[in-house]
Structures are given as C-alpha cells and as structure tokens.
Amino acid sequence: MVVSVARELLVRPDDELPVYDAIDLTKGGDLAKIKLEDQLYTLRITRAGKLILTK
C-alpha cells in the first residue's frame, strides 16, 4: 500500500514578513556577515545600490 502525503506551503502576506534595512545590517557600510546555522554569508551593497549575497 502506497500512501501519498501532500505538504501545504504556508504563504504569509507581505505585511507579516519581517523587514530589515540593508543600511542597518551593514551599520552604514557596504558589507555585512549573515549566519545561517553553521554557514556564513556576505551581504554586499553595490555602488549601484543593489544587493549581492554570497557564500
């Protein structure tokens, strides 16, 4: 017997999502480190005002 279980994807409205200011994250600079579990990422604000997240 095979049982199929479907997972529901919970989507929150935009007004319930947390908002972080990139300037606050970088403390006015252009780089910040972001940690997710044991991985470290770099958030960079470019001269053109775009965000780049790299591992």
N, C-alpha and C. Protein backbone atom coordinates (compact mmCIF):
# COMPACT_ATOMS: atom_id res chain seq x y z
N MET A 1 0.85 -1.18 0.00
CA MET A 1 0.00 0.00 0.00
C MET A 1 0.89 1.24 0.00
N VAL A 2 0.63 2.17 -0.90
CA VAL A 2 1.39 3.41 -1.01
C VAL A 2 0.51 4.55 -0.53
N VAL A 3 1.06 5.34 0.37
CA VAL A 3 0.31 6.48 0.89
C VAL A 3 1.02 7.75 0.44
N SER A 4 0.29 8.64 -0.17
CA SER A 4 0.86 9.90 -0.64
C SER A 4 0.42 11.01 0.31
N VAL A 5 1.39 11.75 0.78
CA VAL A 5 1.10 12.86 1.69
C VAL A 5 1.56 14.15 1.02
N ALA A 6 0.64 15.07 0.86
CA ALA A 6 0.97 16.37 0.25
C ALA A 6 1.26 17.38 1.36
N ARG A 7 2.33 18.12 1.17
CA ARG A 7 2.66 19.18 2.12
C ARG A 7 2.04 20.48 1.64
N GLU A 8 1.50 21.23 2.57
CA GLU A 8 0.97 22.54 2.23
C GLU A 8 2.07 23.57 2.40
N LEU A 9 2.20 24.45 1.43
CA LEU A 9 3.15 25.54 1.52
C LEU A 9 2.42 26.71 2.16
N LEU A 10 2.89 27.12 3.32
CA LEU A 10 2.25 28.24 4.01
C LEU A 10 2.84 29.54 3.48
N VAL A 11 2.00 30.37 2.94
CA VAL A 11 2.43 31.65 2.40
C VAL A 11 1.86 32.75 3.30
N ARG A 12 2.78 33.56 3.81
CA ARG A 12 2.35 34.66 4.66
C ARG A 12 2.17 35.92 3.82
N PRO A 13 1.19 36.72 4.14
CA PRO A 13 1.04 38.01 3.43
C PRO A 13 2.28 38.87 3.65
N ASP A 14 2.57 39.74 2.69
CA ASP A 14 3.76 40.60 2.78
C ASP A 14 3.80 41.42 4.06
N ASP A 15 2.64 41.83 4.57
CA ASP A 15 2.64 42.66 5.78
C ASP A 15 3.01 41.86 7.03
N GLU A 16 3.11 40.54 6.94
CA GLU A 16 3.51 39.73 8.09
C GLU A 16 4.99 39.34 8.02
N LEU A 17 5.65 39.62 6.90
CA LEU A 17 7.07 39.28 6.76
C LEU A 17 7.94 40.29 7.47
N PRO A 18 9.04 39.85 8.09
CA PRO A 18 9.93 40.82 8.72
C PRO A 18 10.64 41.65 7.66
N VAL A 19 10.90 42.91 7.98
CA VAL A 19 11.60 43.82 7.08
C VAL A 19 12.87 44.30 7.76
N TYR A 20 14.00 44.17 7.07
CA TYR A 20 15.28 44.61 7.59
C TYR A 20 15.88 45.62 6.63
N ASP A 21 16.39 46.71 7.15
CA ASP A 21 17.02 47.73 6.34
C ASP A 21 18.48 47.33 6.10
N ALA A 22 18.89 47.25 4.84
CA ALA A 22 20.25 46.82 4.50
C ALA A 22 21.29 47.77 5.08
N ILE A 23 20.99 49.05 5.15
CA ILE A 23 21.92 50.02 5.73
C ILE A 23 22.12 49.74 7.21
N ASP A 24 21.03 49.36 7.90
CA ASP A 24 21.15 48.99 9.31
C ASP A 24 21.97 47.71 9.47
N LEU A 25 21.76 46.74 8.60
CA LEU A 25 22.51 45.48 8.68
C LEU A 25 24.00 45.71 8.48
N THR A 26 24.35 46.64 7.61
CA THR A 26 25.77 46.91 7.33
C THR A 26 26.33 48.03 8.22
N LYS A 27 25.51 48.53 9.13
CA LYS A 27 25.90 49.63 10.03
C LYS A 27 26.47 50.82 9.25
N GLY A 28 25.81 51.15 8.13
CA GLY A 28 26.19 52.30 7.33
C GLY A 28 27.28 52.02 6.31
N GLY A 29 27.85 50.84 6.34
CA GLY A 29 28.89 50.48 5.38
C GLY A 29 28.28 49.80 4.17
N ASP A 30 29.09 48.94 3.53
CA ASP A 30 28.55 48.23 2.38
C ASP A 30 28.67 46.71 2.50
N LEU A 31 29.11 46.21 3.66
CA LEU A 31 29.25 44.77 3.87
C LEU A 31 28.67 44.34 5.21
N ALA A 32 28.09 43.15 5.23
CA ALA A 32 27.63 42.55 6.48
C ALA A 32 27.78 41.05 6.37
N LYS A 33 28.02 40.40 7.48
CA LYS A 33 28.05 38.94 7.54
C LYS A 33 26.71 38.47 8.06
N ILE A 34 26.16 37.42 7.43
CA ILE A 34 24.89 36.84 7.85
C ILE A 34 25.12 35.36 8.10
N LYS A 35 24.76 34.88 9.27
CA LYS A 35 24.97 33.48 9.64
C LYS A 35 23.66 32.73 9.57
N LEU A 36 23.70 31.55 8.94
CA LEU A 36 22.56 30.64 8.90
C LEU A 36 23.08 29.29 9.31
N GLU A 37 22.68 28.87 10.51
CA GLU A 37 23.20 27.65 11.13
C GLU A 37 24.73 27.71 11.15
N ASP A 38 25.43 26.82 10.47
CA ASP A 38 26.90 26.85 10.52
C ASP A 38 27.51 27.48 9.26
N GLN A 39 26.68 28.11 8.42
CA GLN A 39 27.16 28.74 7.19
C GLN A 39 27.23 30.26 7.36
N LEU A 40 28.28 30.87 6.82
CA LEU A 40 28.45 32.31 6.89
C LEU A 40 28.36 32.90 5.49
N TYR A 41 27.53 33.92 5.33
CA TYR A 41 27.31 34.57 4.04
C TYR A 41 27.74 36.02 4.15
N THR A 42 28.05 36.64 3.00
CA THR A 42 28.39 38.05 2.95
C THR A 42 27.33 38.79 2.15
N LEU A 43 26.78 39.83 2.75
CA LEU A 43 25.83 40.71 2.08
C LEU A 43 26.59 41.96 1.67
N ARG A 44 26.52 42.29 0.38
CA ARG A 44 27.24 43.46 -0.14
C ARG A 44 26.24 44.40 -0.82
N ILE A 45 26.38 45.69 -0.52
CA ILE A 45 25.62 46.72 -1.23
C ILE A 45 26.55 47.29 -2.30
N THR A 46 26.14 47.19 -3.56
CA THR A 46 26.99 47.67 -4.65
C THR A 46 26.87 49.19 -4.79
N ARG A 47 27.76 49.76 -5.60
CA ARG A 47 27.70 51.21 -5.85
C ARG A 47 26.39 51.58 -6.55
N ALA A 48 25.82 50.62 -7.29
CA ALA A 48 24.56 50.87 -7.99
C ALA A 48 23.35 50.70 -7.07
N GLY A 49 23.60 50.37 -5.78
CA GLY A 49 22.50 50.24 -4.83
C GLY A 49 21.80 48.89 -4.88
N LYS A 50 22.47 47.89 -5.43
CA LYS A 50 21.89 46.54 -5.48
C LYS A 50 22.51 45.69 -4.38
N LEU A 51 21.83 44.59 -4.04
CA LEU A 51 22.33 43.69 -3.01
C LEU A 51 22.86 42.41 -3.64
N ILE A 52 24.00 41.94 -3.12
CA ILE A 52 24.57 40.66 -3.53
C ILE A 52 24.81 39.85 -2.27
N LEU A 53 24.31 38.62 -2.25
CA LEU A 53 24.52 37.72 -1.12
C LEU A 53 25.36 36.55 -1.63
N THR A 54 26.55 36.36 -1.03
CA THR A 54 27.44 35.29 -1.45
C THR A 54 27.82 34.42 -0.27
N LYS A 55 28.18 33.20 -0.57
CA LYS A 55 28.57 32.24 0.45
C LYS A 55 30.07 32.30 0.65
